[in-house]
Amino acid sequence: MAEAYALHEGAFGTAIVLELRANLVPHAHSETQIAFWLGGAQATARVGSGLVEYSEDVALGVNAFESHDMTLLDDSGPCVFLAFMVRHEWLTERADRTGRAFRFSTPRVHIDAALRQSCWRVLDLVISAQTERTRLDDEIALLLEAATDAAREDAAKPRIDVGASIDHRLRSAIAYMRDHVTEKRTVDEIAARVGLSRAHLFALFRDQLNTTPQVFSSAVRVEEAMRRVGEGASLTDVALDLGFSAPGNFSRFFKEHTGVSPSVFRRAVQDPMPSTVTGVPR
């Protein structure tokens, strides 16, 4: 069965419908993520030292830059997710409007019956070619409002705005990774470039972003790969430009971090939404 993948871009960020047939390696995103398991094989996710078991009652909430993975627990078939990559600007606007800043204090997001029904409504709209964009955006906004309310951090706990509080040396390290994304740079080289020891660089990534330099560096490569693939660049050219010895190695890396191959990702970005996601005709 072919891979299935659908996405929708809006002011909130990106909504993704995804079938996963293999594990995802530890990875990170620059956006906050909420992932709802919709069925199929059982799966778990590890965020830092915490383990989340996906279920109809539990979704995954991951703050921007936090390292996380996904492990399938059985071989009964693929599992289906509805995931949202939520832009920092959307969360900031919501915080200004409601007076409540947002950051996940736990990766476990409780799903009640109303939230579950909202997930299925959004799923139907995302994979329907006839859906009006405004209606879909409104439904997604309602879903995200409910999900962030369900996962809202206790008001007594300190909140961290990553964009404002990140150490300037960590900013420099990240900028260096992005500027040299087509070159292979070791952690020691990156640390030296920003005037830090290897141990201090690791500590900054751990304490401020809850990830490692290696995971973040991979995220930078994936980010650049997605941009180039989405713009229609040759997969061979992208692979070689990003330092992979062969297109096959690039495709494996891309799928381990995103859940789909580069070719499937490109079709989803460039073509209309598919009429089916799970392979079962609607």
C-alpha atoms as a PDB file:
ATOM      1  CA  MET A   1       0.000   0.000   0.000  1.00  0.00           C
ATOM      2  CA  ALA A   2       1.302   3.441  -0.880  1.00  0.00           C
ATOM      3  CA  GLU A   3       2.167   5.944   1.789  1.00  0.00           C
ATOM      4  CA  ALA A   4      -0.609   8.413   2.584  1.00  0.00           C
ATOM      5  CA  TYR A   5      -0.036  11.974   3.629  1.00  0.00           C
ATOM      6  CA  ALA A   6      -2.111  15.136   3.601  1.00  0.00           C
ATOM      7  CA  LEU A   7      -1.442  18.604   4.954  1.00  0.00           C
ATOM      8  CA  HIS A   8      -3.102  21.965   5.269  1.00  0.00           C
ATOM      9  CA  GLU A   9      -1.436  25.323   5.940  1.00  0.00           C
ATOM     10  CA  GLY A  10      -3.198  28.057   7.867  1.00  0.00           C
ATOM     11  CA  ALA A  11      -2.571  30.995  10.175  1.00  0.00           C
ATOM     12  CA  PHE A  12      -2.218  28.505  13.052  1.00  0.00           C
ATOM     13  CA  GLY A  13       0.582  26.577  11.329  1.00  0.00           C
ATOM     14  CA  THR A  14       0.294  23.183   9.620  1.00  0.00           C
ATOM     15  CA  ALA A  15      -2.194  20.337  10.013  1.00  0.00           C
ATOM     16  CA  ILE A  16      -0.873  16.919   8.967  1.00  0.00           C
ATOM     17  CA  VAL A  17      -2.681  13.619   8.444  1.00  0.00           C
ATOM     18  CA  LEU A  18      -0.088  10.877   8.456  1.00  0.00           C
ATOM     19  CA  GLU A  19       0.107   7.103   8.318  1.00  0.00           C
ATOM     20  CA  LEU A  20       3.202   5.781  10.064  1.00  0.00           C
ATOM     21  CA  ARG A  21       4.543   2.331   9.250  1.00  0.00           C
ATOM     22  CA  ALA A  22       7.925   2.620  10.957  1.00  0.00           C
ATOM     23  CA  ASN A  23       9.431   4.230  14.039  1.00  0.00           C
ATOM     24  CA  LEU A  24      10.567   7.859  14.086  1.00  0.00           C
ATOM     25  CA  VAL A  25      14.024   8.627  15.460  1.00  0.00           C
ATOM     26  CA  PRO A  26      14.462  11.350  18.112  1.00  0.00           C
ATOM     27  CA  HIS A  27      13.835  14.665  16.366  1.00  0.00           C
ATOM     28  CA  ALA A  28      12.694  18.210  17.057  1.00  0.00           C
ATOM     29  CA  HIS A  29      10.692  21.016  15.455  1.00  0.00           C
ATOM     30  CA  SER A  30      10.763  24.790  15.727  1.00  0.00           C
ATOM     31  CA  GLU A  31       6.999  24.766  16.318  1.00  0.00           C
ATOM     32  CA  THR A  32       4.857  23.488  19.171  1.00  0.00           C
ATOM     33  CA  GLN A  33       3.292  20.143  18.230  1.00  0.00           C
ATOM     34  CA  ILE A  34       0.052  18.409  19.218  1.00  0.00           C
ATOM     35  CA  ALA A  35      -0.432  14.875  17.845  1.00  0.00           C
ATOM     36  CA  PHE A  36      -3.650  12.865  18.072  1.00  0.00           C
ATOM     37  CA  TRP A  37      -3.568   9.089  17.499  1.00  0.00           C
ATOM     38  CA  LEU A  38      -6.603   8.126  15.437  1.00  0.00           C
ATOM     39  CA  GLY A  39      -6.187   4.366  15.233  1.00  0.00           C
ATOM     40  CA  GLY A  40      -4.164   1.475  13.910  1.00  0.00           C
ATOM     41  CA  ALA A  41      -1.084   0.043  15.594  1.00  0.00           C
ATOM     42  CA  GLN A  42      -0.442   1.081  19.190  1.00  0.00           C
ATOM     43  CA  ALA A  43       2.398   3.560  19.641  1.00  0.00           C
ATOM     44  CA  THR A  44       4.383   5.434  22.276  1.00  0.00           C
ATOM     45  CA  ALA A  45       6.407   8.633  22.249  1.00  0.00           C
ATOM     46  CA  ARG A  46       9.298   9.644  24.473  1.00  0.00           C
ATOM     47  CA  VAL A  47       9.774  13.331  25.274  1.00  0.00           C
ATOM     48  CA  GLY A  48      12.880  13.814  27.387  1.00  0.00           C
ATOM     49  CA  SER A  49      12.578  11.265  30.181  1.00  0.00           C
ATOM     50  CA  GLY A  50       8.784  11.068  29.883  1.00  0.00           C
ATOM     51  CA  LEU A  51       6.923   8.312  28.040  1.00  0.00           C
ATOM     52  CA  VAL A  52       3.475   8.846  26.523  1.00  0.00           C
ATOM     53  CA  GLU A  53       1.271   5.973  25.408  1.00  0.00           C
ATOM     54  CA  TYR A  54      -1.038   7.191  22.659  1.00  0.00           C
ATOM     55  CA  SER A  55      -4.686   6.257  23.055  1.00  0.00           C
ATOM     56  CA  GLU A  56      -8.168   7.564  22.308  1.00  0.00           C
ATOM     57  CA  ASP A  57      -7.902   9.503  25.578  1.00  0.00           C
ATOM     58  CA  VAL A  58      -4.298  10.731  25.366  1.00  0.00           C
ATOM     59  CA  ALA A  59      -2.589  12.932  22.762  1.00  0.00           C
ATOM     60  CA  LEU A  60       1.011  14.136  22.658  1.00  0.00           C
ATOM     61  CA  GLY A  61       2.024  17.731  23.362  1.00  0.00           C
ATOM     62  CA  VAL A  62       5.575  18.806  22.536  1.00  0.00           C
ATOM     63  CA  ASN A  63       7.002  22.282  23.039  1.00  0.00           C
ATOM     64  CA  ALA A  64       9.094  23.916  20.348  1.00  0.00           C
ATOM     65  CA  PHE A  65      12.543  22.320  19.993  1.00  0.00           C
ATOM     66  CA  GLU A  66      11.876  19.474  22.442  1.00  0.00           C
ATOM     67  CA  SER A  67      13.331  16.144  21.341  1.00  0.00           C
ATOM     68  CA  HIS A  68      10.788  13.369  20.846  1.00  0.00           C
ATOM     69  CA  ASP A  69      10.382  10.100  18.966  1.00  0.00           C
ATOM     70  CA  MET A  70       7.687   7.553  18.060  1.00  0.00           C
ATOM     71  CA  THR A  71       7.765   3.786  18.520  1.00  0.00           C
ATOM     72  CA  LEU A  72       5.252   1.315  17.094  1.00  0.00           C
ATOM     73  CA  LEU A  73       4.367  -1.372  19.631  1.00  0.00           C
ATOM     74  CA  ASP A  74       3.071  -4.010  17.221  1.00  0.00           C
ATOM     75  CA  ASP A  75       3.093  -4.941  13.543  1.00  0.00           C
ATOM     76  CA  SER A  76      -0.675  -4.979  13.066  1.00  0.00           C
ATOM     77  CA  GLY A  77      -0.389  -2.302  10.394  1.00  0.00           C
ATOM     78  CA  PRO A  78       0.168   1.465  10.160  1.00  0.00           C
ATOM     79  CA  CYS A  79      -1.094   3.925  12.743  1.00  0.00           C
ATOM     80  CA  VAL A  80      -2.835   7.135  11.741  1.00  0.00           C
ATOM     81  CA  PHE A  81      -2.148  10.520  13.311  1.00  0.00           C
ATOM     82  CA  LEU A  82      -3.643  13.970  13.056  1.00  0.00           C
ATOM     83  CA  ALA A  83      -0.843  16.314  14.047  1.00  0.00           C
ATOM     84  CA  PHE A  84      -0.581  20.083  14.267  1.00  0.00           C
ATOM     85  CA  MET A  85       2.600  22.128  14.034  1.00  0.00           C
ATOM     86  CA  VAL A  86       1.506  25.319  15.802  1.00  0.00           C
ATOM     87  CA  ARG A  87       3.285  28.570  15.040  1.00  0.00           C
ATOM     88  CA  HIS A  88       4.743  30.623  17.859  1.00  0.00           C
ATOM     89  CA  GLU A  89       2.907  33.689  16.524  1.00  0.00           C
ATOM     90  CA  TRP A  90      -0.471  31.945  16.835  1.00  0.00           C
ATOM     91  CA  LEU A  91       0.218  30.958  20.433  1.00  0.00           C
ATOM     92  CA  THR A  92       1.441  34.476  21.228  1.00  0.00           C
ATOM     93  CA  GLU A  93      -1.695  36.053  19.743  1.00  0.00           C
ATOM     94  CA  ARG A  94      -3.826  33.653  21.751  1.00  0.00           C
ATOM     95  CA  ALA A  95      -1.904  34.477  24.921  1.00  0.00           C
ATOM     96  CA  ASP A  96      -2.430  38.204  24.332  1.00  0.00           C
ATOM     97  CA  ARG A  97      -6.148  37.642  23.762  1.00  0.00           C
ATOM     98  CA  THR A  98      -6.797  35.330  26.710  1.00  0.00           C
ATOM     99  CA  GLY A  99      -4.179  36.627  29.151  1.00  0.00           C
ATOM    100  CA  ARG A 100      -2.749  33.102  29.507  1.00  0.00           C
ATOM    101  CA  ALA A 101       0.678  32.187  28.157  1.00  0.00           C
ATOM    102  CA  PHE A 102       1.069  28.634  26.951  1.00  0.00           C
ATOM    103  CA  ARG A 103       3.676  25.916  27.331  1.00  0.00           C
ATOM    104  CA  PHE A 104       3.191  22.190  27.873  1.00  0.00           C
ATOM    105  CA  SER A 105       4.102  21.230  31.441  1.00  0.00           C
ATOM    106  CA  THR A 106       3.539  17.559  30.542  1.00  0.00           C
ATOM    107  CA  PRO A 107       3.546  15.828  27.160  1.00  0.00           C
ATOM    108  CA  ARG A 108       0.288  14.018  28.025  1.00  0.00           C
ATOM    109  CA  VAL A 109      -2.773  15.863  26.705  1.00  0.00           C
ATOM    110  CA  HIS A 110      -6.109  14.518  27.969  1.00  0.00           C
ATOM    111  CA  ILE A 111      -8.761  14.061  25.274  1.00  0.00           C
ATOM    112  CA  ASP A 112     -12.419  14.201  26.258  1.00  0.00           C
ATOM    113  CA  ALA A 113     -15.361  13.197  24.040  1.00  0.00           C
ATOM    114  CA  ALA A 114     -15.842  16.686  22.594  1.00  0.00           C
ATOM    115  CA  LEU A 115     -12.156  16.995  21.679  1.00  0.00           C
ATOM    116  CA  ARG A 116     -12.183  13.555  20.069  1.00  0.00           C
ATOM    117  CA  GLN A 117     -15.212  14.492  17.945  1.00  0.00           C
ATOM    118  CA  SER A 118     -13.466  17.699  16.931  1.00  0.00           C
ATOM    119  CA  CYS A 119     -10.463  15.642  15.736  1.00  0.00           C
ATOM    120  CA  TRP A 120     -12.670  13.549  13.467  1.00  0.00           C
ATOM    121  CA  ARG A 121     -14.390  16.624  12.036  1.00  0.00           C
ATOM    122  CA  VAL A 122     -11.030  18.192  11.189  1.00  0.00           C
ATOM    123  CA  LEU A 123      -9.781  14.913   9.691  1.00  0.00           C
ATOM    124  CA  ASP A 124     -12.789  14.736   7.368  1.00  0.00           C
ATOM    125  CA  LEU A 125     -12.309  18.343   6.303  1.00  0.00           C
ATOM    126  CA  VAL A 126      -8.553  18.016   5.688  1.00  0.00           C
ATOM    127  CA  ILE A 127      -8.949  15.059   3.337  1.00  0.00           C
ATOM    128  CA  SER A 128     -11.969  16.475   1.530  1.00  0.00           C
ATOM    129  CA  ALA A 129     -11.126  18.310  -1.673  1.00  0.00           C
ATOM    130  CA  GLN A 130     -14.391  20.288  -1.472  1.00  0.00           C
ATOM    131  CA  THR A 131     -13.779  21.865   1.938  1.00  0.00           C
ATOM    132  CA  GLU A 132     -13.827  25.655   2.073  1.00  0.00           C
ATOM    133  CA  ARG A 133     -10.548  26.943   3.458  1.00  0.00           C
ATOM    134  CA  THR A 134     -12.222  29.341   5.892  1.00  0.00           C
ATOM    135  CA  ARG A 135     -14.371  26.591   7.360  1.00  0.00           C
ATOM    136  CA  LEU A 136     -11.361  24.295   7.812  1.00  0.00           C
ATOM    137  CA  ASP A 137      -9.305  27.045   9.453  1.00  0.00           C
ATOM    138  CA  ASP A 138     -12.166  27.823  11.838  1.00  0.00           C
ATOM    139  CA  GLU A 139     -12.574  24.168  12.820  1.00  0.00           C
ATOM    140  CA  ILE A 140      -8.844  23.776  13.386  1.00  0.00           C
ATOM    141  CA  ALA A 141      -8.734  26.930  15.509  1.00  0.00           C
ATOM    142  CA  LEU A 142     -11.541  25.571  17.701  1.00  0.00           C
ATOM    143  CA  LEU A 143      -9.730  22.242  18.050  1.00  0.00           C
ATOM    144  CA  LEU A 144      -6.431  23.870  18.988  1.00  0.00           C
ATOM    145  CA  GLU A 145      -8.127  26.225  21.448  1.00  0.00           C
ATOM    146  CA  ALA A 146      -9.698  23.222  23.197  1.00  0.00           C
ATOM    147  CA  ALA A 147      -6.471  21.204  23.108  1.00  0.00           C
ATOM    148  CA  THR A 148      -4.318  23.988  24.516  1.00  0.00           C
ATOM    149  CA  ASP A 149      -6.907  24.623  27.224  1.00  0.00           C
ATOM    150  CA  ALA A 150      -6.804  20.910  28.116  1.00  0.00           C
ATOM    151  CA  ALA A 151      -3.017  21.015  28.363  1.00  0.00           C
ATOM    152  CA  ARG A 152      -2.628  24.482  29.873  1.00  0.00           C
ATOM    153  CA  GLU A 153       0.239  24.801  32.306  1.00  0.00           C
ATOM    154  CA  ASP A 154      -0.582  25.526  35.936  1.00  0.00           C
ATOM    155  CA  ALA A 155      -0.678  29.290  36.446  1.00  0.00           C
ATOM    156  CA  ALA A 156       1.702  29.076  39.397  1.00  0.00           C
ATOM    157  CA  LYS A 157       4.491  27.554  37.332  1.00  0.00           C
ATOM    158  CA  PRO A 158       7.039  29.764  35.553  1.00  0.00           C
ATOM    159  CA  ARG A 159       6.622  30.051  31.803  1.00  0.00           C
ATOM    160  CA  ILE A 160       9.456  30.296  29.343  1.00  0.00           C
ATOM    161  CA  ASP A 161       9.261  32.184  26.081  1.00  0.00           C
ATOM    162  CA  VAL A 162      11.923  30.388  24.048  1.00  0.00           C
ATOM    163  CA  GLY A 163      12.143  33.148  21.478  1.00  0.00           C
ATOM    164  CA  ALA A 164      12.933  35.767  24.108  1.00  0.00           C
ATOM    165  CA  SER A 165      14.977  33.862  26.684  1.00  0.00           C
ATOM    166  CA  ILE A 166      17.340  31.770  24.588  1.00  0.00           C
ATOM    167  CA  ASP A 167      21.006  32.366  25.394  1.00  0.00           C
ATOM    168  CA  HIS A 168      22.834  34.466  22.791  1.00  0.00           C
ATOM    169  CA  ARG A 169      25.520  31.782  22.399  1.00  0.00           C
ATOM    170  CA  LEU A 170      22.844  29.205  21.687  1.00  0.00           C
ATOM    171  CA  ARG A 171      21.338  31.579  19.134  1.00  0.00           C
ATOM    172  CA  SER A 172      24.760  31.855  17.513  1.00  0.00           C
ATOM    173  CA  ALA A 173      25.160  28.079  17.444  1.00  0.00           C
ATOM    174  CA  ILE A 174      21.767  27.669  15.775  1.00  0.00           C
ATOM    175  CA  ALA A 175      22.545  30.393  13.237  1.00  0.00           C
ATOM    176  CA  TYR A 176      25.848  28.666  12.473  1.00  0.00           C
ATOM    177  CA  MET A 177      24.040  25.341  11.902  1.00  0.00           C
ATOM    178  CA  ARG A 178      21.642  27.015   9.483  1.00  0.00           C
ATOM    179  CA  ASP A 179      24.381  28.898   7.629  1.00  0.00           C
ATOM    180  CA  HIS A 180      26.371  25.673   7.194  1.00  0.00           C
ATOM    181  CA  VAL A 181      23.505  23.241   6.674  1.00  0.00           C
ATOM    182  CA  THR A 182      25.140  21.906   3.490  1.00  0.00           C
ATOM    183  CA  GLU A 183      28.388  21.110   5.327  1.00  0.00           C
ATOM    184  CA  LYS A 184      29.207  18.432   7.866  1.00  0.00           C
ATOM    185  CA  ARG A 185      30.103  20.152  11.155  1.00  0.00           C
ATOM    186  CA  THR A 186      30.873  18.310  14.378  1.00  0.00           C
ATOM    187  CA  VAL A 187      29.513  19.352  17.754  1.00  0.00           C
ATOM    188  CA  ASP A 188      33.058  20.289  18.798  1.00  0.00           C
ATOM    189  CA  GLU A 189      33.397  22.601  15.789  1.00  0.00           C
ATOM    190  CA  ILE A 190      30.067  24.279  16.491  1.00  0.00           C
ATOM    191  CA  ALA A 191      30.925  24.729  20.175  1.00  0.00           C
ATOM    192  CA  ALA A 192      34.322  26.222  19.362  1.00  0.00           C
ATOM    193  CA  ARG A 193      32.751  28.575  16.834  1.00  0.00           C
ATOM    194  CA  VAL A 194      30.561  30.161  19.531  1.00  0.00           C
ATOM    195  CA  GLY A 195      33.211  30.106  22.257  1.00  0.00           C
ATOM    196  CA  LEU A 196      31.873  27.188  24.305  1.00  0.00           C
ATOM    197  CA  SER A 197      33.132  23.832  25.400  1.00  0.00           C
ATOM    198  CA  ARG A 198      31.367  20.737  24.094  1.00  0.00           C
ATOM    199  CA  ALA A 199      29.909  20.092  27.563  1.00  0.00           C
ATOM    200  CA  HIS A 200      28.626  23.660  27.925  1.00  0.00           C
ATOM    201  CA  LEU A 201      26.943  23.547  24.512  1.00  0.00           C
ATOM    202  CA  PHE A 202      25.220  20.301  25.446  1.00  0.00           C
ATOM    203  CA  ALA A 203      24.081  21.861  28.718  1.00  0.00           C
ATOM    204  CA  LEU A 204      22.582  24.890  26.954  1.00  0.00           C
ATOM    205  CA  PHE A 205      20.637  22.739  24.494  1.00  0.00           C
ATOM    206  CA  ARG A 206      19.441  20.504  27.324  1.00  0.00           C
ATOM    207  CA  ASP A 207      18.432  23.264  29.726  1.00  0.00           C
ATOM    208  CA  GLN A 208      16.880  25.724  27.272  1.00  0.00           C
ATOM    209  CA  LEU A 209      15.509  23.538  24.475  1.00  0.00           C
ATOM    210  CA  ASN A 210      15.258  20.103  26.096  1.00  0.00           C
ATOM    211  CA  THR A 211      17.181  18.535  23.226  1.00  0.00           C
ATOM    212  CA  THR A 212      20.750  17.828  22.079  1.00  0.00           C
ATOM    213  CA  PRO A 213      22.955  19.574  19.495  1.00  0.00           C
ATOM    214  CA  GLN A 214      22.823  16.475  17.271  1.00  0.00           C
ATOM    215  CA  VAL A 215      19.029  16.284  17.304  1.00  0.00           C
ATOM    216  CA  PHE A 216      18.726  20.006  16.619  1.00  0.00           C
ATOM    217  CA  SER A 217      21.279  19.837  13.817  1.00  0.00           C
ATOM    218  CA  SER A 218      19.259  17.048  12.195  1.00  0.00           C
ATOM    219  CA  ALA A 219      16.137  19.205  12.553  1.00  0.00           C
ATOM    220  CA  VAL A 220      17.900  22.016  10.690  1.00  0.00           C
ATOM    221  CA  ARG A 221      18.784  19.602   7.859  1.00  0.00           C
ATOM    222  CA  VAL A 222      15.217  18.281   7.719  1.00  0.00           C
ATOM    223  CA  GLU A 223      13.873  21.843   7.661  1.00  0.00           C
ATOM    224  CA  GLU A 224      16.102  22.719   4.717  1.00  0.00           C
ATOM    225  CA  ALA A 225      15.297  19.447   2.949  1.00  0.00           C
ATOM    226  CA  MET A 226      11.551  20.060   3.284  1.00  0.00           C
ATOM    227  CA  ARG A 227      11.935  23.567   1.893  1.00  0.00           C
ATOM    228  CA  ARG A 228      13.910  22.421  -1.144  1.00  0.00           C
ATOM    229  CA  VAL A 229      11.808  19.331  -1.841  1.00  0.00           C
ATOM    230  CA  GLY A 230       8.616  21.394  -1.528  1.00  0.00           C
ATOM    231  CA  GLU A 231       9.995  23.869  -4.069  1.00  0.00           C
ATOM    232  CA  GLY A 232      10.472  21.013  -6.555  1.00  0.00           C
ATOM    233  CA  ALA A 233      14.245  20.535  -6.437  1.00  0.00           C
ATOM    234  CA  SER A 234      15.640  17.242  -7.682  1.00  0.00           C
ATOM    235  CA  LEU A 235      15.871  14.694  -4.862  1.00  0.00           C
ATOM    236  CA  THR A 236      19.374  13.774  -6.017  1.00  0.00           C
ATOM    237  CA  ASP A 237      20.455  17.417  -5.956  1.00  0.00           C
ATOM    238  CA  VAL A 238      18.981  17.925  -2.480  1.00  0.00           C
ATOM    239  CA  ALA A 239      20.665  14.767  -1.197  1.00  0.00           C
ATOM    240  CA  LEU A 240      24.094  15.719  -2.510  1.00  0.00           C
ATOM    241  CA  ASP A 241      23.777  19.393  -1.481  1.00  0.00           C
ATOM    242  CA  LEU A 242      22.980  18.353   2.095  1.00  0.00           C
ATOM    243  CA  GLY A 243      25.978  16.054   2.290  1.00  0.00           C
ATOM    244  CA  PHE A 244      24.403  12.636   1.762  1.00  0.00           C
ATOM    245  CA  SER A 245      26.490  10.138  -0.182  1.00  0.00           C
ATOM    246  CA  ALA A 246      23.481   8.772  -2.065  1.00  0.00           C
ATOM    247  CA  PRO A 247      19.805   9.668  -2.623  1.00  0.00           C
ATOM    248  CA  GLY A 248      18.780   6.470  -0.822  1.00  0.00           C
ATOM    249  CA  ASN A 249      20.527   7.588   2.358  1.00  0.00           C
ATOM    250  CA  PHE A 250      18.790  10.953   2.134  1.00  0.00           C
ATOM    251  CA  SER A 251      15.381   9.338   1.638  1.00  0.00           C
ATOM    252  CA  ARG A 252      15.931   7.106   4.668  1.00  0.00           C
ATOM    253  CA  PHE A 253      16.975  10.081   6.803  1.00  0.00           C
ATOM    254  CA  PHE A 254      13.962  12.126   5.634  1.00  0.00           C
ATOM    255  CA  LYS A 255      11.490   9.345   6.384  1.00  0.00           C
ATOM    256  CA  GLU A 256      12.985   8.578   9.802  1.00  0.00           C
ATOM    257  CA  HIS A 257      12.377  12.190  10.818  1.00  0.00           C
ATOM    258  CA  THR A 258       9.078  12.989   9.075  1.00  0.00           C
ATOM    259  CA  GLY A 259       7.377   9.619   8.619  1.00  0.00           C
ATOM    260  CA  VAL A 260       7.118   9.881   4.826  1.00  0.00           C
ATOM    261  CA  SER A 261       9.479   9.737   1.869  1.00  0.00           C
ATOM    262  CA  PRO A 262      10.600  12.959   0.130  1.00  0.00           C
ATOM    263  CA  SER A 263       8.564  12.096  -2.979  1.00  0.00           C
ATOM    264  CA  VAL A 264       5.350  11.659  -0.974  1.00  0.00           C
ATOM    265  CA  PHE A 265       6.001  14.907   0.881  1.00  0.00           C
ATOM    266  CA  ARG A 266       6.508  16.763  -2.404  1.00  0.00           C
ATOM    267  CA  ARG A 267       3.271  15.436  -3.890  1.00  0.00           C
ATOM    268  CA  ALA A 268       1.343  16.511  -0.791  1.00  0.00           C
ATOM    269  CA  VAL A 269       2.793  20.005  -0.967  1.00  0.00           C
ATOM    270  CA  GLN A 270       2.343  20.539  -4.692  1.00  0.00           C
ATOM    271  CA  ASP A 271      -0.852  18.627  -5.501  1.00  0.00           C
ATOM    272  CA  PRO A 272      -4.454  18.858  -4.212  1.00  0.00           C
ATOM    273  CA  MET A 273      -5.317  16.977  -1.041  1.00  0.00           C
ATOM    274  CA  PRO A 274      -5.790  13.217  -1.598  1.00  0.00           C
ATOM    275  CA  SER A 275      -9.326  11.842  -1.468  1.00  0.00           C
ATOM    276  CA  THR A 276      -8.198   9.031   0.823  1.00  0.00           C
ATOM    277  CA  VAL A 277      -5.639   8.849   3.603  1.00  0.00           C
ATOM    278  CA  THR A 278      -5.804   5.290   4.937  1.00  0.00           C
ATOM    279  CA  GLY A 279      -6.149   3.528   1.592  1.00  0.00           C
ATOM    280  CA  VAL A 280      -9.862   2.808   2.239  1.00  0.00           C
ATOM    281  CA  PRO A 281     -12.104   4.515  -0.371  1.00  0.00           C
ATOM    282  CA  ARG A 282     -14.452   7.125   1.080  1.00  0.00           C
END
